[in-house]
Amino acid sequence: MGNKKTEMKIYDAHGMTLMSVKRLERDGNDLVIRGKIFDAMPIAARLTPEDARAALRLLDLKTILFLITLLFRPASKKAGE
C-alpha cells in the first residue's frame, strides 16, 4: 500500500465540501471524529454511545439497505465536474 492519506468528505447539496474527516479514533466509549469544516476550521467532534443509538433510530429499512450497498456503488459526479 502507498503512503496516500485517506480522508472522507461530506458535501452539501451543491457539491461543496462541508467537512473533511481526517481521522476516526476511540476515546474511551466515544468515537472522536477529527477533521476540518469548510476545509478551514479544525474540529474534533465526539459521538457518544447514546447519540450513536439515537442515529440508528433515525434509519428506516430502506435507508439501512442503501447504506449496506453504498460501499459497492460507483462514485457520484460532484458539482462542477
C-alpha atoms as a PDB file:
ATOM      1  CA  MET A   1       0.000   0.000   0.000  1.00  0.00           C
ATOM      2  CA  GLY A   2       1.118   3.532  -0.741  1.00  0.00           C
ATOM      3  CA  ASN A   3       1.581   6.418   1.618  1.00  0.00           C
ATOM      4  CA  LYS A   4      -1.600   8.104   0.348  1.00  0.00           C
ATOM      5  CA  LYS A   5      -3.610   9.900   3.027  1.00  0.00           C
ATOM      6  CA  THR A   6      -7.215   8.828   3.214  1.00  0.00           C
ATOM      7  CA  GLU A   7      -9.924  11.297   4.047  1.00  0.00           C
ATOM      8  CA  MET A   8     -13.688  11.239   3.904  1.00  0.00           C
ATOM      9  CA  LYS A   9     -15.534  14.284   2.620  1.00  0.00           C
ATOM     10  CA  ILE A  10     -19.104  15.310   3.360  1.00  0.00           C
ATOM     11  CA  TYR A  11     -20.733  17.529   0.725  1.00  0.00           C
ATOM     12  CA  ASP A  12     -23.681  19.919   0.650  1.00  0.00           C
ATOM     13  CA  ALA A  13     -26.452  19.762  -1.979  1.00  0.00           C
ATOM     14  CA  HIS A  14     -24.318  21.837  -4.385  1.00  0.00           C
ATOM     15  CA  GLY A  15     -21.262  19.576  -4.159  1.00  0.00           C
ATOM     16  CA  MET A  16     -19.263  21.932  -1.958  1.00  0.00           C
ATOM     17  CA  THR A  17     -17.200  20.355   0.826  1.00  0.00           C
ATOM     18  CA  LEU A  18     -18.775  20.854   4.251  1.00  0.00           C
ATOM     19  CA  MET A  19     -16.371  18.674   6.211  1.00  0.00           C
ATOM     20  CA  SER A  20     -13.190  16.721   5.562  1.00  0.00           C
ATOM     21  CA  VAL A  21     -12.741  13.874   8.042  1.00  0.00           C
ATOM     22  CA  LYS A  22      -9.058  13.047   8.583  1.00  0.00           C
ATOM     23  CA  ARG A  23      -9.291  10.503  11.422  1.00  0.00           C
ATOM     24  CA  LEU A  24     -11.739   8.430  13.405  1.00  0.00           C
ATOM     25  CA  GLU A  25     -10.399   7.382  16.790  1.00  0.00           C
ATOM     26  CA  ARG A  26     -11.639   5.899  20.017  1.00  0.00           C
ATOM     27  CA  ASP A  27     -11.581   7.808  23.286  1.00  0.00           C
ATOM     28  CA  GLY A  28     -12.994   5.557  25.994  1.00  0.00           C
ATOM     29  CA  ASN A  29     -16.528   4.681  24.883  1.00  0.00           C
ATOM     30  CA  ASP A  30     -16.772   7.638  22.472  1.00  0.00           C
ATOM     31  CA  LEU A  31     -15.815   7.979  18.815  1.00  0.00           C
ATOM     32  CA  VAL A  32     -13.821  11.140  18.063  1.00  0.00           C
ATOM     33  CA  ILE A  33     -14.087  12.473  14.515  1.00  0.00           C
ATOM     34  CA  ARG A  34     -11.169  14.759  13.591  1.00  0.00           C
ATOM     35  CA  GLY A  35     -11.127  16.944  10.524  1.00  0.00           C
ATOM     36  CA  LYS A  36     -11.913  20.376   9.155  1.00  0.00           C
ATOM     37  CA  ILE A  37     -15.161  22.192   8.490  1.00  0.00           C
ATOM     38  CA  PHE A  38     -15.250  24.127   5.194  1.00  0.00           C
ATOM     39  CA  ASP A  39     -11.608  22.999   4.703  1.00  0.00           C
ATOM     40  CA  ALA A  40     -10.574  25.738   7.142  1.00  0.00           C
ATOM     41  CA  MET A  41     -11.658  25.271  10.763  1.00  0.00           C
ATOM     42  CA  PRO A  42     -10.252  22.233  12.613  1.00  0.00           C
ATOM     43  CA  ILE A  43     -12.786  20.222  14.598  1.00  0.00           C
ATOM     44  CA  ALA A  44     -12.827  17.276  16.966  1.00  0.00           C
ATOM     45  CA  ALA A  45     -16.428  16.044  17.110  1.00  0.00           C
ATOM     46  CA  ARG A  46     -17.427  13.432  19.670  1.00  0.00           C
ATOM     47  CA  LEU A  47     -20.045  10.705  19.125  1.00  0.00           C
ATOM     48  CA  THR A  48     -21.275   9.101  22.346  1.00  0.00           C
ATOM     49  CA  PRO A  49     -22.909   5.665  22.575  1.00  0.00           C
ATOM     50  CA  GLU A  50     -26.259   7.330  23.346  1.00  0.00           C
ATOM     51  CA  ASP A  51     -26.026   9.522  20.248  1.00  0.00           C
ATOM     52  CA  ALA A  52     -24.974   6.565  18.074  1.00  0.00           C
ATOM     53  CA  ARG A  53     -28.070   4.668  19.231  1.00  0.00           C
ATOM     54  CA  ALA A  54     -30.206   7.752  18.511  1.00  0.00           C
ATOM     55  CA  ALA A  55     -28.740   7.911  14.986  1.00  0.00           C
ATOM     56  CA  LEU A  56     -29.692   4.278  14.373  1.00  0.00           C
ATOM     57  CA  ARG A  57     -33.272   5.059  15.385  1.00  0.00           C
ATOM     58  CA  LEU A  58     -33.390   7.671  12.587  1.00  0.00           C
ATOM     59  CA  LEU A  59     -32.897   4.963   9.944  1.00  0.00           C
ATOM     60  CA  ASP A  60     -35.700   3.084   8.241  1.00  0.00           C
ATOM     61  CA  LEU A  61     -35.280  -0.292   6.489  1.00  0.00           C
ATOM     62  CA  LYS A  62     -34.895   1.279   3.040  1.00  0.00           C
ATOM     63  CA  THR A  63     -32.054   3.536   4.248  1.00  0.00           C
ATOM     64  CA  ILE A  64     -30.337   0.660   6.092  1.00  0.00           C
ATOM     65  CA  LEU A  65     -30.348  -1.394   2.886  1.00  0.00           C
ATOM     66  CA  PHE A  66     -28.971   1.598   0.961  1.00  0.00           C
ATOM     67  CA  LEU A  67     -26.138   2.030   3.494  1.00  0.00           C
ATOM     68  CA  ILE A  68     -25.182  -1.634   3.189  1.00  0.00           C
ATOM     69  CA  THR A  69     -24.896  -1.323  -0.611  1.00  0.00           C
ATOM     70  CA  LEU A  70     -23.275   2.150  -0.567  1.00  0.00           C
ATOM     71  CA  LEU A  71     -19.738   0.747  -0.306  1.00  0.00           C
ATOM     72  CA  PHE A  72     -20.215  -1.202  -3.532  1.00  0.00           C
ATOM     73  CA  ARG A  73     -21.704   1.599  -5.643  1.00  0.00           C
ATOM     74  CA  PRO A  74     -19.703   3.647  -8.171  1.00  0.00           C
ATOM     75  CA  ALA A  75     -18.589   7.154  -7.240  1.00  0.00           C
ATOM     76  CA  SER A  76     -21.017  10.001  -7.959  1.00  0.00           C
ATOM     77  CA  LYS A  77     -20.069  13.013 -10.022  1.00  0.00           C
ATOM     78  CA  LYS A  78     -19.537  16.121  -7.891  1.00  0.00           C
ATOM     79  CA  ALA A  79     -20.847  19.558  -8.846  1.00  0.00           C
ATOM     80  CA  GLY A  80     -18.568  21.317 -11.314  1.00  0.00           C
ATOM     81  CA  GLU A  81     -17.186  18.120 -12.907  1.00  0.00           C
END
